[in-house]
């Protein structure tokens, strides 16, 4: 319709136009007007009329004021930059503390392991003693078993003698350094000799060495 024709149409019925206009104004001013106006739904406002859309938004505002903001609805982009900076600083501090604690725990574990190892080595290095007795049986050479090789063995007759008138009844033997009688120095006829698993004693009348004399009971201390 051309403008002139449209004007002529309205001019032909001015009273009808006035009444229609007034009716429209009255309808829009009505308290239930919003309930009759359509609204296109959105993701944030799922409503079909202006009235329900307004009520939905109002409820969201109330929930936000009361602290009932739905989980995940406020992300980092919605926070002020200074707030985001503070959160970043807190995260960095927490990460640094966690890393420092992990390093400290690792160092403590390493130090404890080293200390335990050193202590065990010291315990292993400490000398233990084996005490015992044996009755001589006149065998020319006799092995006294200890179950382990000693570092040193001291043998003495049970009445307290080691030597009497150049006769040897005992003595101190070290690992790699056997004990001699006065008549066997320089020979391989040892009075007391450390061997694997224990020590050897002898009864050698021709050399006055009696560490296995049948009439004598002997006491010994083995250092292992």
N, C-alpha and C. Protein backbone atom coordinates (compact mmCIF):
# COMPACT_ATOMS: atom_id res chain seq x y z
N UNK A 1 0.85 -1.18 0.00
CA UNK A 1 0.00 0.00 0.00
C UNK A 1 0.89 1.24 0.00
N UNK A 2 0.54 2.20 -0.83
CA UNK A 2 1.31 3.43 -0.91
C UNK A 2 1.02 4.32 0.29
N UNK A 3 1.97 5.19 0.64
CA UNK A 3 1.78 6.05 1.82
C UNK A 3 0.50 6.86 1.75
N UNK A 4 0.21 7.41 0.59
CA UNK A 4 -1.02 8.22 0.46
C UNK A 4 -2.27 7.39 0.70
N UNK A 5 -2.22 6.17 0.15
CA UNK A 5 -3.37 5.28 0.33
C UNK A 5 -3.52 4.88 1.79
N UNK A 6 -2.36 4.61 2.49
CA UNK A 6 -2.41 4.23 3.91
C UNK A 6 -2.96 5.38 4.74
N UNK A 7 -2.53 6.63 4.41
CA UNK A 7 -3.02 7.79 5.15
C UNK A 7 -4.53 7.95 4.93
N UNK A 8 -4.94 7.78 3.71
CA UNK A 8 -6.36 7.92 3.39
C UNK A 8 -7.18 6.87 4.14
N UNK A 9 -6.56 5.64 4.31
CA UNK A 9 -7.27 4.56 5.04
C UNK A 9 -7.49 4.93 6.50
N UNK A 10 -6.45 5.45 7.13
CA UNK A 10 -6.60 5.84 8.54
C UNK A 10 -7.50 7.06 8.69
N UNK A 11 -7.39 7.99 7.74
CA UNK A 11 -8.22 9.19 7.83
C UNK A 11 -9.70 8.89 7.64
N UNK A 12 -9.96 7.79 6.97
CA UNK A 12 -11.36 7.46 6.68
C UNK A 12 -12.09 6.99 7.94
N UNK A 13 -11.35 6.48 8.95
CA UNK A 13 -11.99 5.96 10.16
C UNK A 13 -11.20 6.42 11.39
N UNK A 14 -11.11 7.68 11.63
CA UNK A 14 -10.30 8.17 12.76
C UNK A 14 -10.80 7.68 14.10
N UNK A 15 -12.10 7.59 14.26
CA UNK A 15 -12.63 7.15 15.55
C UNK A 15 -12.27 5.69 15.82
N UNK A 16 -12.32 4.87 14.79
CA UNK A 16 -11.96 3.44 14.94
C UNK A 16 -10.50 3.28 15.31
N UNK A 17 -9.66 4.12 14.66
CA UNK A 17 -8.22 4.05 14.96
C UNK A 17 -7.97 4.48 16.39
N UNK A 18 -8.67 5.57 16.82
CA UNK A 18 -8.48 6.05 18.18
C UNK A 18 -8.86 4.99 19.21
N UNK A 19 -9.98 4.34 18.96
CA UNK A 19 -10.44 3.33 19.90
C UNK A 19 -9.47 2.14 19.94
N UNK A 20 -8.97 1.77 18.76
CA UNK A 20 -8.02 0.64 18.71
C UNK A 20 -6.73 0.98 19.45
N UNK A 21 -6.28 2.22 19.25
CA UNK A 21 -5.04 2.64 19.92
C UNK A 21 -5.22 2.68 21.42
N UNK A 22 -6.35 3.24 21.84
CA UNK A 22 -6.61 3.30 23.28
C UNK A 22 -6.75 1.90 23.87
N UNK A 23 -7.35 0.98 23.12
CA UNK A 23 -7.48 -0.39 23.60
C UNK A 23 -6.12 -1.06 23.76
N UNK A 24 -5.24 -0.77 22.80
CA UNK A 24 -3.89 -1.35 22.89
C UNK A 24 -3.16 -0.80 24.11
N UNK A 25 -3.27 0.50 24.34
CA UNK A 25 -2.61 1.09 25.51
C UNK A 25 -3.16 0.49 26.80
N UNK A 26 -4.47 0.33 26.84
CA UNK A 26 -5.08 -0.25 28.03
C UNK A 26 -4.57 -1.69 28.25
N UNK A 27 -4.48 -2.43 27.14
CA UNK A 27 -4.02 -3.83 27.26
C UNK A 27 -2.58 -3.89 27.76
N UNK A 28 -1.71 -2.99 27.24
CA UNK A 28 -0.31 -3.00 27.66
C UNK A 28 -0.13 -2.50 29.09
N UNK A 29 -1.08 -1.66 29.55
CA UNK A 29 -0.99 -1.16 30.92
C UNK A 29 -1.59 -2.13 31.93
N UNK A 30 -2.24 -3.17 31.47
CA UNK A 30 -2.87 -4.12 32.38
C UNK A 30 -1.79 -4.87 33.18
N UNK A 31 -2.12 -5.25 34.41
CA UNK A 31 -1.16 -5.96 35.28
C UNK A 31 -0.80 -7.34 34.75
N UNK A 32 -1.65 -7.93 33.94
CA UNK A 32 -1.35 -9.26 33.39
C UNK A 32 -0.87 -9.20 31.95
N UNK A 33 -0.47 -7.96 31.49
CA UNK A 33 -0.05 -7.82 30.09
C UNK A 33 1.20 -8.65 29.80
N UNK A 34 2.15 -8.65 30.74
CA UNK A 34 3.42 -9.36 30.50
C UNK A 34 3.21 -10.86 30.34
N UNK A 35 2.13 -11.36 30.98
CA UNK A 35 1.87 -12.81 30.90
C UNK A 35 1.39 -13.19 29.51
N UNK A 36 0.92 -12.19 28.74
CA UNK A 36 0.42 -12.50 27.41
C UNK A 36 1.41 -12.20 26.31
N UNK A 37 2.57 -11.64 26.67
CA UNK A 37 3.58 -11.32 25.67
C UNK A 37 4.59 -12.46 25.57
N UNK A 38 4.84 -12.89 24.36
CA UNK A 38 5.74 -14.02 24.16
C UNK A 38 7.21 -13.66 24.42
N UNK A 39 7.99 -14.71 24.70
CA UNK A 39 9.43 -14.54 24.97
C UNK A 39 10.17 -15.74 24.39
N UNK A 40 11.25 -15.47 23.66
CA UNK A 40 12.03 -16.55 23.06
C UNK A 40 13.03 -17.09 24.11
N UNK A 41 12.91 -18.34 24.40
CA UNK A 41 13.75 -18.96 25.42
C UNK A 41 15.24 -18.79 25.13
N UNK A 42 16.02 -18.69 26.19
CA UNK A 42 17.48 -18.67 26.09
C UNK A 42 18.03 -19.72 27.05
N UNK A 43 19.37 -19.99 26.95
CA UNK A 43 19.98 -20.98 27.85
C UNK A 43 19.93 -20.51 29.29
N UNK A 44 20.06 -19.20 29.49
CA UNK A 44 20.05 -18.67 30.85
C UNK A 44 18.69 -18.37 31.39
N UNK A 45 17.70 -18.14 30.50
CA UNK A 45 16.33 -17.81 30.92
C UNK A 45 15.35 -18.70 30.16
N UNK A 46 15.02 -19.86 30.70
CA UNK A 46 14.11 -20.80 30.03
C UNK A 46 12.64 -20.44 30.27
N UNK A 47 12.15 -19.34 29.61
CA UNK A 47 10.77 -18.88 29.81
C UNK A 47 10.12 -18.66 28.44
N UNK A 48 8.75 -18.67 28.44
CA UNK A 48 8.00 -18.52 27.19
C UNK A 48 7.25 -17.18 27.10
N UNK A 49 7.10 -16.49 28.25
CA UNK A 49 6.45 -15.18 28.25
C UNK A 49 7.35 -14.18 28.96
N UNK A 50 7.06 -12.90 28.72
CA UNK A 50 7.84 -11.87 29.38
C UNK A 50 7.69 -11.98 30.89
N UNK A 51 6.47 -12.30 31.37
CA UNK A 51 6.23 -12.41 32.81
C UNK A 51 7.11 -13.51 33.43
N UNK A 52 7.09 -14.71 32.83
CA UNK A 52 7.88 -15.80 33.40
C UNK A 52 9.37 -15.54 33.25
N UNK A 53 9.77 -14.81 32.18
CA UNK A 53 11.18 -14.47 32.01
C UNK A 53 11.65 -13.54 33.12
N UNK A 54 10.80 -12.51 33.44
CA UNK A 54 11.14 -11.58 34.51
C UNK A 54 11.24 -12.32 35.84
N UNK A 55 10.29 -13.20 36.10
CA UNK A 55 10.29 -13.95 37.36
C UNK A 55 11.52 -14.85 37.47
N UNK A 56 11.91 -15.46 36.35
CA UNK A 56 13.09 -16.32 36.35
C UNK A 56 14.36 -15.53 36.68
N UNK A 57 14.50 -14.38 36.01
CA UNK A 57 15.68 -13.54 36.27
C UNK A 57 15.68 -13.05 37.70
N UNK A 58 14.49 -12.65 38.20
CA UNK A 58 14.40 -12.18 39.58
C UNK A 58 14.83 -13.28 40.56
N UNK A 59 14.40 -14.52 40.31
CA UNK A 59 14.76 -15.62 41.18
C UNK A 59 16.27 -15.88 41.15
N UNK A 60 16.87 -15.76 39.97
CA UNK A 60 18.31 -15.94 39.87
C UNK A 60 19.05 -14.88 40.69
N UNK A 61 18.55 -13.65 40.66
CA UNK A 61 19.16 -12.58 41.45
C UNK A 61 19.05 -12.87 42.93
N UNK A 62 17.85 -13.33 43.37
CA UNK A 62 17.64 -13.67 44.78
C UNK A 62 18.59 -14.79 45.20
N UNK A 63 18.69 -15.82 44.36
CA UNK A 63 19.58 -16.94 44.69
C UNK A 63 21.02 -16.47 44.80
N UNK A 64 21.45 -15.57 43.92
CA UNK A 64 22.82 -15.07 43.97
C UNK A 64 23.06 -14.29 45.25
N UNK A 65 22.06 -13.49 45.66
CA UNK A 65 22.19 -12.70 46.88
C UNK A 65 22.27 -13.60 48.11
N UNK A 66 21.49 -14.70 48.08
CA UNK A 66 21.46 -15.62 49.22
C UNK A 66 22.61 -16.61 49.20
N UNK A 67 23.48 -16.54 48.21
CA UNK A 67 24.61 -17.46 48.13
C UNK A 67 24.27 -18.79 47.52
N UNK A 68 23.14 -18.90 46.84
CA UNK A 68 22.73 -20.15 46.23
C UNK A 68 23.07 -20.17 44.74
N UNK A 69 24.23 -19.66 44.41
CA UNK A 69 24.63 -19.64 43.01
C UNK A 69 24.90 -21.07 42.56
N UNK A 70 24.32 -21.52 41.47
CA UNK A 70 24.52 -22.90 41.01
C UNK A 70 26.01 -23.19 40.77
N UNK A 71 26.41 -24.39 41.11
CA UNK A 71 27.80 -24.79 40.91
C UNK A 71 28.19 -24.66 39.44
N UNK A 72 29.37 -24.09 39.23
CA UNK A 72 29.89 -23.96 37.87
C UNK A 72 29.37 -22.77 37.11
N UNK A 73 28.42 -21.99 37.71
CA UNK A 73 27.87 -20.87 36.96
C UNK A 73 28.78 -19.65 36.98
N UNK A 74 29.73 -19.62 37.94
CA UNK A 74 30.70 -18.52 38.01
C UNK A 74 32.08 -19.08 37.74
N UNK A 75 32.65 -18.76 36.60
CA UNK A 75 33.98 -19.24 36.27
C UNK A 75 34.98 -18.11 36.39
N UNK A 76 36.23 -18.40 36.07
CA UNK A 76 37.29 -17.42 36.22
C UNK A 76 37.09 -16.16 35.41
N UNK A 77 36.46 -16.29 34.26
CA UNK A 77 36.26 -15.12 33.40
C UNK A 77 35.30 -14.12 34.02
N UNK A 78 34.46 -14.56 34.97
CA UNK A 78 33.49 -13.67 35.58
C UNK A 78 34.04 -12.97 36.83
N UNK A 79 35.25 -13.32 37.22
CA UNK A 79 35.86 -12.71 38.39
C UNK A 79 36.70 -11.51 37.99
N UNK A 80 36.84 -10.57 38.92
CA UNK A 80 37.70 -9.41 38.66
C UNK A 80 39.15 -9.87 38.55
N UNK A 81 39.95 -9.10 37.82
CA UNK A 81 41.32 -9.51 37.57
C UNK A 81 42.12 -9.62 38.87
N UNK A 82 41.90 -8.69 39.82
CA UNK A 82 42.66 -8.76 41.07
C UNK A 82 42.29 -10.01 41.87
N UNK A 83 41.02 -10.44 41.77
CA UNK A 83 40.62 -11.66 42.45
C UNK A 83 41.28 -12.87 41.80
N UNK A 84 41.28 -12.87 40.47
CA UNK A 84 41.96 -13.97 39.77
C UNK A 84 43.45 -14.02 40.10
N UNK A 85 44.05 -12.83 40.21
CA UNK A 85 45.48 -12.78 40.57
C UNK A 85 45.73 -13.38 41.95
N UNK A 86 44.82 -13.09 42.89
CA UNK A 86 44.97 -13.64 44.24
C UNK A 86 44.85 -15.16 44.23
N UNK A 87 43.85 -15.65 43.48
CA UNK A 87 43.69 -17.10 43.39
C UNK A 87 44.93 -17.75 42.76
N UNK A 88 45.47 -17.11 41.74
CA UNK A 88 46.68 -17.63 41.10
C UNK A 88 47.84 -17.66 42.08
N UNK A 89 47.97 -16.58 42.87
CA UNK A 89 49.04 -16.53 43.86
C UNK A 89 48.88 -17.63 44.90
N UNK A 90 47.62 -17.88 45.33
CA UNK A 90 47.36 -18.94 46.30
C UNK A 90 47.72 -20.31 45.72
N UNK A 91 47.32 -20.53 44.46
CA UNK A 91 47.64 -21.81 43.81
C UNK A 91 49.15 -22.00 43.69
N UNK A 92 49.86 -20.93 43.30
CA UNK A 92 51.31 -21.03 43.17
C UNK A 92 51.98 -21.30 44.51
N UNK A 93 51.48 -20.63 45.58
CA UNK A 93 52.04 -20.84 46.91
C UNK A 93 51.80 -22.27 47.38
N UNK A 94 50.58 -22.78 47.11
CA UNK A 94 50.26 -24.15 47.51
C UNK A 94 51.13 -25.15 46.76
N UNK A 95 51.35 -24.90 45.47
CA UNK A 95 52.20 -25.80 44.68
C UNK A 95 53.63 -25.76 45.19
N UNK A 96 54.13 -24.56 45.53
CA UNK A 96 55.50 -24.43 46.04
C UNK A 96 55.64 -25.13 47.38
N UNK A 97 54.62 -24.97 48.24
CA UNK A 97 54.66 -25.64 49.54
C UNK A 97 54.64 -27.15 49.39
N UNK A 98 53.79 -27.64 48.47
CA UNK A 98 53.73 -29.08 48.23
C UNK A 98 55.06 -29.62 47.73
N UNK A 99 55.67 -28.86 46.81
CA UNK A 99 56.97 -29.28 46.28
C UNK A 99 58.03 -29.27 47.37
N UNK A 100 58.02 -28.23 48.21
CA UNK A 100 59.00 -28.14 49.30
C UNK A 100 58.81 -29.28 50.30
N UNK A 101 57.52 -29.58 50.59
CA UNK A 101 57.25 -30.67 51.53
C UNK A 101 57.71 -32.01 50.95
N UNK A 102 57.45 -32.21 49.66
CA UNK A 102 57.89 -33.46 49.03
C UNK A 102 59.40 -33.58 49.06
N UNK A 103 60.10 -32.45 48.80
CA UNK A 103 61.57 -32.47 48.84
C UNK A 103 62.07 -32.76 50.25
N UNK A 104 61.42 -32.13 51.24
CA UNK A 104 61.81 -32.36 52.63
C UNK A 104 61.57 -33.81 53.03
N UNK A 105 60.42 -34.35 52.62
CA UNK A 105 60.12 -35.74 52.94
C UNK A 105 61.14 -36.67 52.30
N UNK A 106 61.50 -36.38 51.05
CA UNK A 106 62.48 -37.20 50.35
C UNK A 106 63.84 -37.13 51.04
N UNK A 107 64.22 -35.90 51.45
CA UNK A 107 65.51 -35.73 52.13
C UNK A 107 65.50 -36.45 53.47
N UNK A 108 64.36 -36.36 54.18
CA UNK A 108 64.27 -37.03 55.48
C UNK A 108 64.35 -38.55 55.32
N UNK A 109 63.65 -39.06 54.30
CA UNK A 109 63.70 -40.50 54.05
C UNK A 109 65.11 -40.95 53.70
N UNK A 110 65.78 -40.17 52.86
CA UNK A 110 67.15 -40.51 52.48
C UNK A 110 68.08 -40.47 53.68
N UNK A 111 67.93 -39.42 54.52
CA UNK A 111 68.78 -39.31 55.70
C UNK A 111 68.53 -40.45 56.67
N UNK A 112 67.24 -40.80 56.84
CA UNK A 112 66.91 -41.90 57.75
C UNK A 112 67.47 -43.23 57.23
N UNK A 113 67.35 -43.43 55.91
CA UNK A 113 67.89 -44.66 55.32
C UNK A 113 69.40 -44.74 55.52
N UNK A 114 70.07 -43.61 55.29
CA UNK A 114 71.53 -43.57 55.47
C UNK A 114 71.89 -43.84 56.91
N UNK A 115 71.15 -43.21 57.85
CA UNK A 115 71.43 -43.41 59.27
C UNK A 115 71.21 -44.87 59.67
N UNK A 116 70.11 -45.46 59.17
CA UNK A 116 69.83 -46.88 59.47
C UNK A 116 70.93 -47.78 58.93
N UNK A 117 71.38 -47.46 57.71
CA UNK A 117 72.46 -48.27 57.12
C UNK A 117 73.74 -48.14 57.91
N UNK A 118 74.07 -46.90 58.29
CA UNK A 118 75.29 -46.69 59.08
C UNK A 118 75.21 -47.40 60.43
N UNK A 119 74.03 -47.32 61.06
CA UNK A 119 73.86 -47.98 62.35
C UNK A 119 73.99 -49.49 62.21
N UNK A 120 73.37 -50.03 61.13
CA UNK A 120 73.48 -51.47 60.92
C UNK A 120 74.92 -51.87 60.65
N UNK A 121 75.64 -51.05 59.89
CA UNK A 121 77.06 -51.34 59.63
C UNK A 121 77.86 -51.32 60.92
N UNK A 122 77.54 -50.36 61.80
CA UNK A 122 78.26 -50.29 63.07
C UNK A 122 77.94 -51.51 63.94
N UNK A 123 76.65 -51.91 63.91
CA UNK A 123 76.28 -53.11 64.67
C UNK A 123 76.98 -54.34 64.12
N UNK A 124 77.01 -54.42 62.77
CA UNK A 124 77.67 -55.57 62.16
C UNK A 124 79.17 -55.59 62.45
N UNK A 125 79.74 -54.37 62.58
CA UNK A 125 81.19 -54.29 62.80
C UNK A 125 81.56 -54.56 64.25
N UNK A 126 80.59 -54.46 65.15
CA UNK A 126 80.90 -54.69 66.56
C UNK A 126 81.23 -56.16 66.79
N UNK A 127 82.13 -56.36 67.71
CA UNK A 127 82.59 -57.72 68.01
C UNK A 127 81.64 -58.38 69.01
N UNK A 128 81.34 -59.63 68.77
CA UNK A 128 80.59 -60.42 69.74
C UNK A 128 81.50 -61.52 70.27
N UNK A 129 81.13 -62.09 71.41
CA UNK A 129 81.99 -63.08 72.08
C UNK A 129 81.30 -64.43 72.15
N UNK A 130 82.10 -65.46 72.04
CA UNK A 130 81.63 -66.82 72.25
C UNK A 130 82.49 -67.42 73.36
N UNK A 131 81.86 -67.86 74.43
CA UNK A 131 82.56 -68.48 75.55
C UNK A 131 82.34 -69.99 75.49
N UNK A 132 83.31 -70.73 75.96
CA UNK A 132 83.11 -72.17 75.99
C UNK A 132 84.24 -72.89 76.69
N UNK A 133 84.06 -74.19 76.81
CA UNK A 133 85.07 -75.06 77.41
C UNK A 133 85.19 -76.32 76.57
N UNK A 134 86.29 -76.99 76.71
CA UNK A 134 86.44 -78.33 76.12
C UNK A 134 87.41 -79.12 76.99
N UNK A 135 87.21 -80.40 77.00
CA UNK A 135 88.08 -81.30 77.74
C UNK A 135 89.10 -81.87 76.76
N UNK A 136 90.40 -81.77 77.12
CA UNK A 136 91.44 -82.30 76.25
C UNK A 136 91.27 -83.79 76.01
N UNK A 137 91.68 -84.27 74.82
CA UNK A 137 91.57 -85.70 74.51
C UNK A 137 92.86 -86.29 73.96
N UNK A 138 93.96 -85.52 74.05
CA UNK A 138 95.29 -85.97 73.64
C UNK A 138 95.46 -86.12 72.13
N UNK A 139 94.44 -85.75 71.31
CA UNK A 139 94.62 -85.81 69.86
C UNK A 139 95.71 -84.82 69.46
N UNK A 140 96.54 -85.24 68.50
CA UNK A 140 97.66 -84.39 68.08
C UNK A 140 97.15 -83.05 67.54
N UNK A 141 96.03 -83.06 66.85
CA UNK A 141 95.40 -81.83 66.39
C UNK A 141 93.89 -82.02 66.48
N UNK A 142 93.23 -81.01 67.00
CA UNK A 142 91.78 -81.12 67.23
C UNK A 142 91.11 -79.80 66.82
N UNK A 143 90.00 -79.96 66.13
CA UNK A 143 89.24 -78.79 65.68
C UNK A 143 88.11 -78.50 66.67
N UNK A 144 88.06 -77.25 67.14
CA UNK A 144 86.97 -76.80 68.01
C UNK A 144 86.04 -75.93 67.16
N UNK A 145 84.83 -76.41 66.94
CA UNK A 145 83.90 -75.70 66.06
C UNK A 145 83.16 -74.59 66.81
N UNK A 146 83.09 -73.44 66.16
CA UNK A 146 82.35 -72.30 66.71
C UNK A 146 81.15 -71.93 65.84
N UNK A 147 81.07 -72.51 64.65
CA UNK A 147 80.00 -72.16 63.74
C UNK A 147 80.29 -70.92 62.91
N UNK A 148 81.37 -70.24 63.20
CA UNK A 148 81.81 -69.07 62.44
C UNK A 148 83.28 -68.84 62.73
N UNK A 149 83.92 -68.14 61.85
CA UNK A 149 85.36 -67.93 61.98
C UNK A 149 85.63 -66.74 62.89
N UNK A 150 86.37 -66.95 63.98
CA UNK A 150 86.63 -65.85 64.91
C UNK A 150 87.76 -64.94 64.42
N UNK A 151 87.82 -63.74 65.01
CA UNK A 151 88.92 -62.81 64.74
C UNK A 151 90.06 -63.04 65.72
N UNK A 152 89.72 -63.55 66.90
CA UNK A 152 90.73 -63.84 67.91
C UNK A 152 90.18 -64.92 68.84
N UNK A 153 91.10 -65.75 69.38
CA UNK A 153 90.73 -66.80 70.33
C UNK A 153 91.76 -66.81 71.46
N UNK A 154 91.25 -66.82 72.69
CA UNK A 154 92.15 -66.93 73.84
C UNK A 154 91.81 -68.23 74.56
N UNK A 155 92.85 -69.10 74.75
CA UNK A 155 92.68 -70.40 75.40
C UNK A 155 93.54 -70.43 76.67
N UNK A 156 92.97 -70.96 77.74
CA UNK A 156 93.70 -71.07 79.01
C UNK A 156 93.22 -72.31 79.74
N UNK A 157 94.14 -72.98 80.47
CA UNK A 157 93.76 -74.12 81.28
C UNK A 157 92.83 -73.65 82.39
N UNK A 158 91.88 -74.50 82.78
CA UNK A 158 90.86 -74.05 83.74
C UNK A 158 91.43 -73.76 85.13
N UNK A 159 92.68 -74.14 85.38
CA UNK A 159 93.29 -73.79 86.66
C UNK A 159 94.18 -72.55 86.51
N UNK A 160 94.02 -71.83 85.39
CA UNK A 160 94.63 -70.51 85.27
C UNK A 160 95.98 -70.47 84.61
N UNK A 161 96.47 -71.59 84.06
CA UNK A 161 97.81 -71.59 83.47
C UNK A 161 97.77 -71.40 81.96
N UNK A 162 98.77 -70.66 81.50
CA UNK A 162 99.02 -70.57 80.06
C UNK A 162 100.32 -71.29 79.74
N UNK A 163 101.34 -71.03 80.54
CA UNK A 163 102.62 -71.75 80.39
C UNK A 163 103.16 -72.11 81.77
N UNK A 164 103.80 -73.25 81.84
CA UNK A 164 104.47 -73.70 83.06
C UNK A 164 105.80 -74.32 82.65
N UNK A 165 106.90 -73.72 83.10
CA UNK A 165 108.23 -74.27 82.79
C UNK A 165 108.39 -74.55 81.29
N UNK A 166 108.04 -73.54 80.49
CA UNK A 166 108.16 -73.60 79.03
C UNK A 166 107.16 -74.53 78.37
N UNK A 167 106.23 -75.10 79.17
CA UNK A 167 105.17 -75.93 78.59
C UNK A 167 103.95 -75.04 78.34
N UNK A 168 103.45 -75.11 77.12
CA UNK A 168 102.34 -74.23 76.72
C UNK A 168 101.01 -74.94 76.90
N UNK A 169 100.08 -74.26 77.63
CA UNK A 169 98.75 -74.79 77.83
C UNK A 169 97.67 -73.87 77.21
N UNK A 170 98.09 -72.84 76.58
CA UNK A 170 97.11 -71.94 75.97
C UNK A 170 97.79 -70.71 75.40
N UNK A 171 97.00 -69.72 75.06
CA UNK A 171 97.56 -68.50 74.50
C UNK A 171 96.52 -67.77 73.66
N UNK A 172 96.94 -66.68 73.07
CA UNK A 172 96.07 -65.84 72.25
C UNK A 172 96.46 -65.99 70.79
N UNK A 173 95.49 -66.38 69.96
CA UNK A 173 95.71 -66.49 68.52
C UNK A 173 94.83 -65.46 67.82
N UNK A 174 95.37 -64.80 66.82
CA UNK A 174 94.63 -63.86 66.00
C UNK A 174 94.44 -64.43 64.61
N UNK A 175 93.48 -63.91 63.91
CA UNK A 175 93.26 -64.36 62.54
C UNK A 175 94.48 -64.02 61.70
N UNK A 176 95.13 -65.03 61.17
CA UNK A 176 96.35 -64.82 60.38
C UNK A 176 97.61 -64.80 61.22
N UNK A 177 97.46 -64.91 62.54
CA UNK A 177 98.62 -64.90 63.43
C UNK A 177 98.40 -65.91 64.55
N UNK A 178 98.77 -67.19 64.33
CA UNK A 178 98.52 -68.24 65.33
C UNK A 178 99.42 -68.08 66.56
N UNK A 179 99.05 -68.83 67.60
CA UNK A 179 99.80 -68.83 68.85
C UNK A 179 100.81 -70.00 68.83
N UNK A 180 102.05 -69.70 69.23
CA UNK A 180 103.10 -70.73 69.28
C UNK A 180 103.40 -71.12 70.73
N UNK A 181 103.90 -72.34 70.87
CA UNK A 181 104.55 -72.70 72.12
C UNK A 181 106.03 -72.35 72.02
N UNK A 182 106.71 -72.31 73.13
CA UNK A 182 108.12 -71.93 73.09
C UNK A 182 108.95 -72.88 72.24
N UNK A 183 108.48 -74.13 72.13
CA UNK A 183 109.25 -75.11 71.35
C UNK A 183 108.82 -75.20 69.91
N UNK A 184 107.84 -74.41 69.50
CA UNK A 184 107.34 -74.53 68.12
C UNK A 184 107.47 -73.23 67.34
N UNK A 185 108.11 -72.24 67.94
CA UNK A 185 108.25 -70.96 67.25
C UNK A 185 109.00 -71.18 65.93
N UNK A 186 108.46 -70.64 64.86
CA UNK A 186 109.08 -70.77 63.54
C UNK A 186 108.61 -71.98 62.77
N UNK A 187 107.83 -72.85 63.41
CA UNK A 187 107.33 -74.04 62.72
C UNK A 187 105.85 -73.86 62.42
N UNK A 188 105.23 -74.90 61.93
CA UNK A 188 103.77 -74.87 61.68
C UNK A 188 103.03 -75.64 62.76
N UNK A 189 103.73 -75.97 63.83
CA UNK A 189 103.09 -76.66 64.95
C UNK A 189 102.55 -75.60 65.93
N UNK A 190 101.38 -75.11 65.60
CA UNK A 190 100.82 -74.01 66.38
C UNK A 190 100.13 -74.54 67.63
N UNK A 191 100.21 -73.77 68.69
CA UNK A 191 99.49 -74.13 69.92
C UNK A 191 98.00 -73.87 69.76
N UNK A 192 97.66 -72.73 69.19
CA UNK A 192 96.26 -72.37 68.90
C UNK A 192 96.25 -71.69 67.53
N UNK A 193 95.40 -72.17 66.63
CA UNK A 193 95.35 -71.62 65.27
C UNK A 193 93.89 -71.40 64.86
N UNK A 194 93.61 -70.20 64.40
CA UNK A 194 92.26 -69.90 63.89
C UNK A 194 92.11 -70.47 62.49
N UNK A 195 91.03 -71.21 62.26
CA UNK A 195 90.71 -71.77 60.95
C UNK A 195 89.25 -71.46 60.66
N UNK A 196 88.83 -71.79 59.47
CA UNK A 196 87.45 -71.51 59.06
C UNK A 196 86.46 -72.24 59.97
N UNK A 197 85.56 -71.50 60.58
CA UNK A 197 84.52 -72.09 61.41
C UNK A 197 84.91 -72.36 62.84
N UNK A 198 86.13 -72.02 63.23
CA UNK A 198 86.52 -72.28 64.62
C UNK A 198 88.04 -72.15 64.81
N UNK A 199 88.63 -73.08 65.60
CA UNK A 199 90.09 -73.02 65.83
C UNK A 199 90.63 -74.43 66.13
N UNK A 200 91.92 -74.58 65.90
CA UNK A 200 92.61 -75.85 66.16
C UNK A 200 93.44 -75.75 67.43
N UNK A 201 93.46 -76.85 68.19
CA UNK A 201 94.37 -77.00 69.33
C UNK A 201 95.15 -78.30 69.13
N UNK A 202 96.25 -78.46 69.89
CA UNK A 202 97.13 -79.61 69.65
C UNK A 202 97.61 -80.21 70.98
N UNK A 203 98.11 -81.41 70.86
CA UNK A 203 98.83 -82.04 71.99
C UNK A 203 100.13 -82.60 71.42
N UNK A 204 101.23 -81.87 71.67
CA UNK A 204 102.53 -82.21 71.11
C UNK A 204 103.55 -82.32 72.24
N UNK A 205 103.63 -83.49 72.89
CA UNK A 205 104.55 -83.65 74.04
C UNK A 205 106.00 -83.35 73.69
N UNK A 206 106.41 -83.69 72.47
CA UNK A 206 107.80 -83.47 72.09
C UNK A 206 108.15 -82.00 72.00
N UNK A 207 107.11 -81.15 71.86
CA UNK A 207 107.34 -79.70 71.75
C UNK A 207 106.83 -78.94 72.98
N UNK A 208 106.42 -79.70 74.01
CA UNK A 208 105.88 -79.09 75.23
C UNK A 208 104.69 -78.16 74.93
N UNK A 209 103.84 -78.62 74.02
CA UNK A 209 102.64 -77.86 73.68
C UNK A 209 101.44 -78.74 74.01
N UNK A 210 100.65 -78.30 74.99
CA UNK A 210 99.53 -79.11 75.44
C UNK A 210 98.25 -78.25 75.52
N UNK A 211 97.75 -77.90 74.39
CA UNK A 211 96.45 -77.20 74.39
C UNK A 211 95.29 -78.17 74.18
N UNK A 212 95.64 -79.49 74.16
CA UNK A 212 94.59 -80.52 74.07
C UNK A 212 94.99 -81.73 74.91
N UNK A 213 95.47 -81.44 76.10
CA UNK A 213 95.96 -82.47 77.02
C UNK A 213 94.77 -83.09 77.74
N UNK A 214 94.71 -84.43 77.79
CA UNK A 214 93.52 -85.11 78.31
C UNK A 214 93.28 -84.87 79.79
N UNK A 215 94.31 -84.47 80.53
CA UNK A 215 94.15 -84.24 81.96
C UNK A 215 93.70 -82.81 82.29
N UNK A 216 93.46 -82.04 81.24
CA UNK A 216 93.17 -80.62 81.46
C UNK A 216 91.83 -80.26 80.79
N UNK A 217 91.06 -79.45 81.52
CA UNK A 217 89.87 -78.83 80.93
C UNK A 217 90.25 -77.39 80.58
N UNK A 218 89.87 -76.96 79.41
CA UNK A 218 90.28 -75.64 78.91
C UNK A 218 89.07 -74.71 78.79
N UNK A 219 89.34 -73.47 79.06
CA UNK A 219 88.36 -72.39 78.82
C UNK A 219 88.82 -71.57 77.63
N UNK A 220 87.86 -71.08 76.84
CA UNK A 220 88.24 -70.22 75.73
C UNK A 220 87.23 -69.07 75.57
N UNK A 221 87.74 -68.00 75.01
CA UNK A 221 86.92 -66.85 74.60
C UNK A 221 87.24 -66.60 73.13
N UNK A 222 86.23 -66.63 72.32
CA UNK A 222 86.40 -66.35 70.89
C UNK A 222 85.74 -65.02 70.55
N UNK A 223 86.45 -64.17 69.86
CA UNK A 223 85.95 -62.86 69.44
C UNK A 223 85.55 -62.96 67.96
N UNK A 224 84.27 -62.79 67.69
CA UNK A 224 83.80 -62.94 66.30
C UNK A 224 83.10 -61.67 65.83
